[in-house]
N, C-alpha and C. Protein backbone atom coordinates (compact mmCIF):
# COMPACT_ATOMS: atom_id res chain seq x y z
N MET A 1 228.55 -56.18 -181.57
CA MET A 1 229.73 -56.46 -181.54
C MET A 1 229.60 -58.31 -181.53
N GLU A 2 229.50 -59.06 -182.47
CA GLU A 2 229.88 -60.24 -182.34
C GLU A 2 231.30 -60.97 -181.40
N GLU A 3 231.01 -61.97 -180.73
CA GLU A 3 231.61 -62.47 -179.74
C GLU A 3 232.83 -63.17 -180.65
N LYS A 4 234.35 -63.06 -180.44
CA LYS A 4 235.25 -64.04 -180.55
C LYS A 4 235.00 -65.26 -180.48
N LYS A 5 235.13 -66.13 -181.63
CA LYS A 5 234.97 -67.18 -181.74
C LYS A 5 236.06 -68.43 -181.09
N LYS A 6 236.29 -69.69 -180.31
CA LYS A 6 237.07 -69.90 -179.93
C LYS A 6 237.17 -71.12 -180.80
N GLN A 7 238.12 -72.09 -180.98
CA GLN A 7 238.34 -73.54 -181.84
C GLN A 7 238.73 -74.58 -180.75
N VAL A 8 237.88 -75.41 -181.10
CA VAL A 8 237.96 -76.56 -180.32
C VAL A 8 238.68 -77.79 -180.97
N PRO A 9 238.84 -78.56 -180.58
CA PRO A 9 239.35 -79.79 -181.70
C PRO A 9 237.99 -80.78 -181.25
N LEU A 10 237.92 -81.47 -181.68
CA LEU A 10 236.60 -82.23 -181.27
C LEU A 10 236.46 -83.54 -182.13
N ARG A 11 236.69 -84.79 -181.39
CA ARG A 11 236.95 -86.13 -182.36
C ARG A 11 234.74 -86.71 -181.66
N LEU A 12 234.60 -87.10 -182.78
CA LEU A 12 233.47 -87.61 -182.41
C LEU A 12 233.85 -89.18 -183.61
N SER A 13 232.89 -89.92 -183.20
CA SER A 13 232.62 -91.47 -183.64
C SER A 13 232.00 -91.40 -185.07
N ASP A 14 232.34 -92.06 -185.94
CA ASP A 14 231.37 -92.11 -186.83
C ASP A 14 230.11 -91.90 -187.14
N SER A 15 229.59 -93.16 -186.61
CA SER A 15 227.86 -93.03 -186.42
C SER A 15 227.14 -91.40 -185.67
N LEU A 16 228.28 -90.77 -185.01
CA LEU A 16 227.32 -89.72 -184.39
C LEU A 16 227.74 -88.82 -185.26
N TRP A 17 228.72 -88.44 -185.96
CA TRP A 17 228.88 -87.70 -187.21
C TRP A 17 227.96 -87.50 -188.21
N LYS A 18 227.74 -89.09 -188.63
CA LYS A 18 226.46 -89.02 -189.75
C LYS A 18 225.26 -88.43 -188.93
N GLU A 19 224.83 -89.17 -187.76
CA GLU A 19 223.83 -88.31 -186.96
C GLU A 19 223.78 -86.86 -187.26
N LEU A 20 224.60 -86.21 -187.02
CA LEU A 20 224.55 -84.81 -186.71
C LEU A 20 224.91 -84.25 -187.89
N ALA A 21 225.46 -84.93 -189.06
CA ALA A 21 225.22 -84.45 -190.58
C ALA A 21 223.73 -84.48 -190.62
N ALA A 22 223.15 -85.38 -190.83
CA ALA A 22 221.77 -85.70 -191.34
C ALA A 22 220.95 -84.55 -190.21
N TRP A 23 221.00 -84.24 -189.15
CA TRP A 23 220.16 -83.45 -188.30
C TRP A 23 220.37 -81.71 -188.48
N ALA A 24 221.75 -81.54 -189.17
CA ALA A 24 222.27 -80.38 -189.30
C ALA A 24 221.54 -80.00 -190.92
N GLU A 25 221.63 -81.31 -192.07
CA GLU A 25 220.88 -80.84 -192.98
C GLU A 25 219.48 -80.60 -193.14
N ASP A 26 218.70 -81.58 -191.91
CA ASP A 26 217.40 -81.49 -191.77
C ASP A 26 217.04 -79.38 -191.26
N GLU A 27 217.56 -79.31 -190.61
CA GLU A 27 217.81 -78.05 -190.02
C GLU A 27 218.58 -76.74 -190.91
N PHE A 28 219.11 -76.90 -191.83
CA PHE A 28 219.44 -76.13 -192.83
C PHE A 28 221.17 -75.52 -192.42
N ARG A 29 221.80 -76.48 -191.58
CA ARG A 29 222.83 -75.41 -190.74
C ARG A 29 224.16 -76.40 -191.12
N SER A 30 224.83 -75.86 -190.94
CA SER A 30 226.45 -76.66 -191.10
C SER A 30 226.32 -77.59 -189.78
N ILE A 31 227.40 -78.58 -190.07
CA ILE A 31 227.59 -79.63 -188.89
C ILE A 31 228.07 -78.46 -187.73
N ASN A 32 229.19 -77.80 -188.06
CA ASN A 32 229.46 -76.60 -186.76
C ASN A 32 228.52 -75.87 -186.39
N GLY A 33 227.57 -75.34 -187.14
CA GLY A 33 226.35 -74.51 -186.58
C GLY A 33 225.36 -75.29 -185.66
N GLN A 34 225.22 -76.81 -186.01
CA GLN A 34 224.54 -77.54 -185.36
C GLN A 34 224.71 -78.09 -184.14
N ILE A 35 226.44 -77.95 -183.99
CA ILE A 35 227.19 -78.44 -182.80
C ILE A 35 226.91 -77.41 -182.00
N GLU A 36 227.31 -75.96 -182.56
CA GLU A 36 226.77 -75.07 -181.63
C GLU A 36 225.73 -74.57 -180.96
N TYR A 37 224.51 -74.75 -181.92
CA TYR A 37 223.27 -74.91 -181.85
C TYR A 37 223.03 -75.33 -180.15
N LEU A 38 223.22 -76.68 -180.49
CA LEU A 38 223.32 -77.81 -179.38
C LEU A 38 223.72 -77.19 -177.98
N LEU A 39 224.87 -77.10 -178.23
CA LEU A 39 225.63 -76.77 -177.00
C LEU A 39 224.99 -75.44 -176.29
N THR A 40 224.43 -74.44 -177.25
CA THR A 40 223.97 -73.12 -176.69
C THR A 40 222.42 -73.58 -176.15
N GLU A 41 221.87 -74.49 -176.70
CA GLU A 41 220.43 -75.07 -176.01
C GLU A 41 220.94 -75.26 -174.69
N ALA A 42 221.69 -76.38 -174.50
CA ALA A 42 222.19 -77.25 -173.13
C ALA A 42 222.64 -76.27 -172.18
N VAL A 43 223.35 -75.20 -172.60
CA VAL A 43 223.66 -74.37 -171.67
C VAL A 43 222.50 -73.69 -171.23
N ARG A 44 221.64 -73.13 -172.07
CA ARG A 44 220.50 -72.21 -171.70
C ARG A 44 219.27 -73.02 -170.95
N GLN A 45 219.46 -74.57 -171.35
CA GLN A 45 218.42 -75.37 -170.12
C GLN A 45 218.80 -75.68 -168.57
N ARG A 46 220.18 -75.47 -168.81
CA ARG A 46 220.93 -75.61 -167.23
C ARG A 46 220.97 -74.60 -166.57
N LYS A 47 220.94 -73.24 -166.98
CA LYS A 47 220.82 -72.33 -166.49
C LYS A 47 218.92 -72.59 -166.03
N LYS A 48 218.54 -72.32 -166.80
CA LYS A 48 216.82 -72.36 -166.70
C LYS A 48 216.82 -73.51 -165.66
N GLY A 49 217.14 -74.81 -165.74
CA GLY A 49 217.10 -75.68 -164.72
C GLY A 49 218.00 -75.53 -162.96
N SER A 50 219.15 -74.68 -163.37
CA SER A 50 219.81 -74.76 -161.55
C SER A 50 219.24 -73.11 -160.98
N SER A 51 218.29 -72.56 -161.87
CA SER A 51 217.52 -71.33 -160.87
C SER A 51 216.28 -71.70 -160.45
N THR A 52 215.80 -72.69 -160.49
CA THR A 52 214.37 -73.62 -159.94
C THR A 52 215.07 -74.64 -159.00
N ASN A 53 215.87 -75.34 -159.34
CA ASN A 53 216.76 -76.16 -158.53
C ASN A 53 217.10 -75.58 -157.45
N GLU A 54 217.61 -74.19 -157.39
CA GLU A 54 217.83 -73.37 -155.85
C GLU A 54 217.12 -73.00 -155.36
N ALA A 55 215.63 -73.04 -155.36
CA ALA A 55 214.56 -72.57 -154.93
C ALA A 55 213.88 -73.77 -153.95
N GLU A 56 214.14 -75.00 -154.40
CA GLU A 56 214.06 -76.05 -153.26
C GLU A 56 214.60 -76.54 -152.19
């Protein structure tokens, strides 16, 4: 069962929007899909990093 998605208003600069749009197009995603992908990856990396930092 897919998680219910939350809507979040987001303001981006024109230049960042253009960069994300180009990146999304390169990876065959919508801009929304690209932002969600990038945030998911950032959270995954943070979780991975926090488990190694706890051992220090």
